[in-house]
Amino acid sequence: MNKTKLLKIVAILIYLFSPIDILPEAVLGPLGLVDDAAAVWLLIKILLTK
């Protein structure tokens, strides 16, 4: 695993566990989960690519 890939994974995990969101669920309700879903999708994509 190269450093760039590891850095992306760490950044996504920090974003997912951070209380700060681009689209907050408290304000937007279920629509606020879109950014989290996109982050999870990107994480899966990064993990599955070689």
PDB file of N, CA and C in Angstrom:
ATOM      1  N   MET A   1       0.862  -1.175   0.000  1.00  0.00           N
ATOM      2  CA  MET A   1       0.000   0.000   0.000  1.00  0.00           C
ATOM      3  C   MET A   1       0.906   1.236   0.000  1.00  0.00           C
ATOM      4  N   ASN A   2       0.657   2.140  -0.926  1.00  0.00           N
ATOM      5  CA  ASN A   2       1.497   3.332  -0.987  1.00  0.00           C
ATOM      6  C   ASN A   2       1.009   4.412  -0.022  1.00  0.00           C
ATOM      7  N   LYS A   3       1.833   5.419   0.168  1.00  0.00           N
ATOM      8  CA  LYS A   3       1.526   6.475   1.142  1.00  0.00           C
ATOM      9  C   LYS A   3       0.294   7.282   0.754  1.00  0.00           C
ATOM     10  N   THR A   4       0.100   7.526  -0.532  1.00  0.00           N
ATOM     11  CA  THR A   4      -1.052   8.308  -0.989  1.00  0.00           C
ATOM     12  C   THR A   4      -2.352   7.584  -0.668  1.00  0.00           C
ATOM     13  N   LYS A   5      -2.388   6.288  -0.938  1.00  0.00           N
ATOM     14  CA  LYS A   5      -3.590   5.503  -0.667  1.00  0.00           C
ATOM     15  C   LYS A   5      -3.874   5.472   0.834  1.00  0.00           C
ATOM     16  N   LEU A   6      -2.846   5.293   1.632  1.00  0.00           N
ATOM     17  CA  LEU A   6      -3.014   5.267   3.083  1.00  0.00           C
ATOM     18  C   LEU A   6      -3.505   6.613   3.597  1.00  0.00           C
ATOM     19  N   LEU A   7      -2.975   7.694   3.047  1.00  0.00           N
ATOM     20  CA  LEU A   7      -3.399   9.026   3.459  1.00  0.00           C
ATOM     21  C   LEU A   7      -4.874   9.263   3.119  1.00  0.00           C
ATOM     22  N   LYS A   8      -5.317   8.824   1.951  1.00  0.00           N
ATOM     23  CA  LYS A   8      -6.723   8.954   1.570  1.00  0.00           C
ATOM     24  C   LYS A   8      -7.624   8.176   2.521  1.00  0.00           C
ATOM     25  N   ILE A   9      -7.215   6.957   2.869  1.00  0.00           N
ATOM     26  CA  ILE A   9      -8.011   6.122   3.775  1.00  0.00           C
ATOM     27  C   ILE A   9      -8.128   6.789   5.141  1.00  0.00           C
ATOM     28  N   VAL A  10      -7.013   7.286   5.655  1.00  0.00           N
ATOM     29  CA  VAL A  10      -7.028   7.953   6.959  1.00  0.00           C
ATOM     30  C   VAL A  10      -7.900   9.205   6.922  1.00  0.00           C
ATOM     31  N   ALA A  11      -7.794   9.988   5.854  1.00  0.00           N
ATOM     32  CA  ALA A  11      -8.596  11.208   5.738  1.00  0.00           C
ATOM     33  C   ALA A  11     -10.088  10.894   5.705  1.00  0.00           C
ATOM     34  N   ILE A  12     -10.473   9.866   4.982  1.00  0.00           N
ATOM     35  CA  ILE A  12     -11.886   9.485   4.911  1.00  0.00           C
ATOM     36  C   ILE A  12     -12.383   9.013   6.274  1.00  0.00           C
ATOM     37  N   LEU A  13     -11.585   8.208   6.957  1.00  0.00           N
ATOM     38  CA  LEU A  13     -11.992   7.722   8.279  1.00  0.00           C
ATOM     39  C   LEU A  13     -12.122   8.872   9.277  1.00  0.00           C
ATOM     40  N   ILE A  14     -11.206   9.822   9.224  1.00  0.00           N
ATOM     41  CA  ILE A  14     -11.310  10.999  10.095  1.00  0.00           C
ATOM     42  C   ILE A  14     -12.596  11.757   9.788  1.00  0.00           C
ATOM     43  N   TYR A  15     -12.907  11.938   8.515  1.00  0.00           N
ATOM     44  CA  TYR A  15     -14.133  12.650   8.140  1.00  0.00           C
ATOM     45  C   TYR A  15     -15.375  11.912   8.646  1.00  0.00           C
ATOM     46  N   LEU A  16     -15.385  10.586   8.492  1.00  0.00           N
ATOM     47  CA  LEU A  16     -16.561   9.816   8.901  1.00  0.00           C
ATOM     48  C   LEU A  16     -16.789   9.863  10.409  1.00  0.00           C
ATOM     49  N   PHE A  17     -15.716   9.876  11.189  1.00  0.00           N
ATOM     50  CA  PHE A  17     -15.868   9.867  12.638  1.00  0.00           C
ATOM     51  C   PHE A  17     -15.858  11.260  13.260  1.00  0.00           C
ATOM     52  N   SER A  18     -15.632  12.272  12.437  1.00  0.00           N
ATOM     53  CA  SER A  18     -15.631  13.645  12.909  1.00  0.00           C
ATOM     54  C   SER A  18     -17.070  14.145  13.094  1.00  0.00           C
ATOM     55  N   PRO A  19     -17.295  14.962  14.101  1.00  0.00           N
ATOM     56  CA  PRO A  19     -18.651  15.517  14.284  1.00  0.00           C
ATOM     57  C   PRO A  19     -18.978  16.623  13.275  1.00  0.00           C
ATOM     58  N   ILE A  20     -17.989  17.047  12.495  1.00  0.00           N
ATOM     59  CA  ILE A  20     -18.200  18.105  11.507  1.00  0.00           C
ATOM     60  C   ILE A  20     -18.539  17.472  10.161  1.00  0.00           C
ATOM     61  N   ASP A  21     -19.635  17.901   9.554  1.00  0.00           N
ATOM     62  CA  ASP A  21     -20.092  17.375   8.266  1.00  0.00           C
ATOM     63  C   ASP A  21     -20.256  18.508   7.260  1.00  0.00           C
ATOM     64  N   ILE A  22     -20.090  18.169   6.001  1.00  0.00           N
ATOM     65  CA  ILE A  22     -20.381  19.136   4.938  1.00  0.00           C
ATOM     66  C   ILE A  22     -21.894  19.328   4.854  1.00  0.00           C
ATOM     67  N   LEU A  23     -22.635  18.224   4.925  1.00  0.00           N
ATOM     68  CA  LEU A  23     -24.099  18.261   4.933  1.00  0.00           C
ATOM     69  C   LEU A  23     -24.579  17.693   6.268  1.00  0.00           C
ATOM     70  N   PRO A  24     -24.851  18.535   7.264  1.00  0.00           N
ATOM     71  CA  PRO A  24     -25.218  18.046   8.595  1.00  0.00           C
ATOM     72  C   PRO A  24     -26.599  17.377   8.631  1.00  0.00           C
ATOM     73  N   GLU A  25     -26.648  16.221   9.280  1.00  0.00           N
ATOM     74  CA  GLU A  25     -27.907  15.489   9.402  1.00  0.00           C
ATOM     75  C   GLU A  25     -28.917  16.249  10.261  1.00  0.00           C
ATOM     76  N   ALA A  26     -28.450  16.976  11.253  1.00  0.00           N
ATOM     77  CA  ALA A  26     -29.357  17.706  12.144  1.00  0.00           C
ATOM     78  C   ALA A  26     -30.152  18.771  11.399  1.00  0.00           C
ATOM     79  N   VAL A  27     -29.573  19.325  10.344  1.00  0.00           N
ATOM     80  CA  VAL A  27     -30.249  20.375   9.588  1.00  0.00           C
ATOM     81  C   VAL A  27     -31.022  19.801   8.408  1.00  0.00           C
ATOM     82  N   LEU A  28     -30.403  18.857   7.706  1.00  0.00           N
ATOM     83  CA  LEU A  28     -30.990  18.357   6.457  1.00  0.00           C
ATOM     84  C   LEU A  28     -31.710  17.013   6.579  1.00  0.00           C
ATOM     85  N   GLY A  29     -31.683  16.421   7.753  1.00  0.00           N
ATOM     86  CA  GLY A  29     -32.330  15.114   7.941  1.00  0.00           C
ATOM     87  C   GLY A  29     -31.623  14.040   7.128  1.00  0.00           C
ATOM     88  N   PRO A  30     -32.379  13.133   6.529  1.00  0.00           N
ATOM     89  CA  PRO A  30     -31.775  12.025   5.780  1.00  0.00           C
ATOM     90  C   PRO A  30     -30.894  12.485   4.611  1.00  0.00           C
ATOM     91  N   LEU A  31     -31.176  13.648   4.056  1.00  0.00           N
ATOM     92  CA  LEU A  31     -30.353  14.170   2.972  1.00  0.00           C
ATOM     93  C   LEU A  31     -28.920  14.432   3.444  1.00  0.00           C
ATOM     94  N   GLY A  32     -28.759  14.655   4.736  1.00  0.00           N
ATOM     95  CA  GLY A  32     -27.441  14.895   5.308  1.00  0.00           C
ATOM     96  C   GLY A  32     -26.543  13.664   5.297  1.00  0.00           C
ATOM     97  N   LEU A  33     -27.109  12.513   5.033  1.00  0.00           N
ATOM     98  CA  LEU A  33     -26.322  11.285   4.981  1.00  0.00           C
ATOM     99  C   LEU A  33     -25.641  11.085   3.627  1.00  0.00           C
ATOM    100  N   VAL A  34     -25.958  11.914   2.660  1.00  0.00           N
ATOM    101  CA  VAL A  34     -25.403  11.769   1.316  1.00  0.00           C
ATOM    102  C   VAL A  34     -23.881  11.891   1.338  1.00  0.00           C
ATOM    103  N   ASP A  35     -23.338  12.874   2.053  1.00  0.00           N
ATOM    104  CA  ASP A  35     -21.891  13.031   2.087  1.00  0.00           C
ATOM    105  C   ASP A  35     -21.206  11.864   2.787  1.00  0.00           C
ATOM    106  N   ASP A  36     -21.845  11.331   3.816  1.00  0.00           N
ATOM    107  CA  ASP A  36     -21.285  10.164   4.500  1.00  0.00           C
ATOM    108  C   ASP A  36     -21.312   8.936   3.587  1.00  0.00           C
ATOM    109  N   ALA A  37     -22.394   8.764   2.864  1.00  0.00           N
ATOM    110  CA  ALA A  37     -22.494   7.637   1.931  1.00  0.00           C
ATOM    111  C   ALA A  37     -21.446   7.758   0.829  1.00  0.00           C
ATOM    112  N   ALA A  38     -21.220   8.972   0.356  1.00  0.00           N
ATOM    113  CA  ALA A  38     -20.202   9.187  -0.675  1.00  0.00           C
ATOM    114  C   ALA A  38     -18.805   8.872  -0.131  1.00  0.00           C
ATOM    115  N   ALA A  39     -18.564   9.230   1.119  1.00  0.00           N
ATOM    116  CA  ALA A  39     -17.267   8.941   1.730  1.00  0.00           C
ATOM    117  C   ALA A  39     -17.065   7.436   1.885  1.00  0.00           C
ATOM    118  N   VAL A  40     -18.104   6.724   2.288  1.00  0.00           N
ATOM    119  CA  VAL A  40     -18.009   5.265   2.419  1.00  0.00           C
ATOM    120  C   VAL A  40     -17.798   4.632   1.048  1.00  0.00           C
ATOM    121  N   TRP A  41     -18.509   5.124   0.037  1.00  0.00           N
ATOM    122  CA  TRP A  41     -18.335   4.603  -1.324  1.00  0.00           C
ATOM    123  C   TRP A  41     -16.900   4.812  -1.809  1.00  0.00           C
ATOM    124  N   LEU A  42     -16.357   5.990  -1.546  1.00  0.00           N
ATOM    125  CA  LEU A  42     -14.985   6.287  -1.952  1.00  0.00           C
ATOM    126  C   LEU A  42     -13.999   5.398  -1.195  1.00  0.00           C
ATOM    127  N   LEU A  43     -14.233   5.171   0.082  1.00  0.00           N
ATOM    128  CA  LEU A  43     -13.370   4.289   0.866  1.00  0.00           C
ATOM    129  C   LEU A  43     -13.364   2.875   0.308  1.00  0.00           C
ATOM    130  N   ILE A  44     -14.526   2.364  -0.020  1.00  0.00           N
ATOM    131  CA  ILE A  44     -14.630   1.017  -0.587  1.00  0.00           C
ATOM    132  C   ILE A  44     -13.910   0.972  -1.932  1.00  0.00           C
ATOM    133  N   LYS A  45     -14.097   1.991  -2.744  1.00  0.00           N
ATOM    134  CA  LYS A  45     -13.437   2.042  -4.050  1.00  0.00           C
ATOM    135  C   LYS A  45     -11.905   2.037  -3.892  1.00  0.00           C
ATOM    136  N   ILE A  46     -11.407   2.809  -2.954  1.00  0.00           N
ATOM    137  CA  ILE A  46      -9.963   2.876  -2.720  1.00  0.00           C
ATOM    138  C   ILE A  46      -9.443   1.525  -2.220  1.00  0.00           C
ATOM    139  N   LEU A  47     -10.185   0.918  -1.311  1.00  0.00           N
ATOM    140  CA  LEU A  47      -9.732  -0.369  -0.754  1.00  0.00           C
ATOM    141  C   LEU A  47      -9.748  -1.492  -1.781  1.00  0.00           C
ATOM    142  N   LEU A  48     -10.657  -1.428  -2.742  1.00  0.00           N
ATOM    143  CA  LEU A  48     -10.771  -2.516  -3.716  1.00  0.00           C
ATOM    144  C   LEU A  48      -9.844  -2.358  -4.918  1.00  0.00           C
ATOM    145  N   THR A  49      -9.311  -1.156  -5.120  1.00  0.00           N
ATOM    146  CA  THR A  49      -8.390  -0.979  -6.245  1.00  0.00           C
ATOM    147  C   THR A  49      -6.983  -1.402  -5.837  1.00  0.00           C
ATOM    148  N   LYS A  50      -6.265  -1.915  -6.793  1.00  0.00           N
ATOM    149  CA  LYS A  50      -4.910  -2.392  -6.479  1.00  0.00           C
ATOM    150  C   LYS A  50      -3.862  -1.437  -6.859  1.00  0.00           C
TER     151      LYS A  50
END
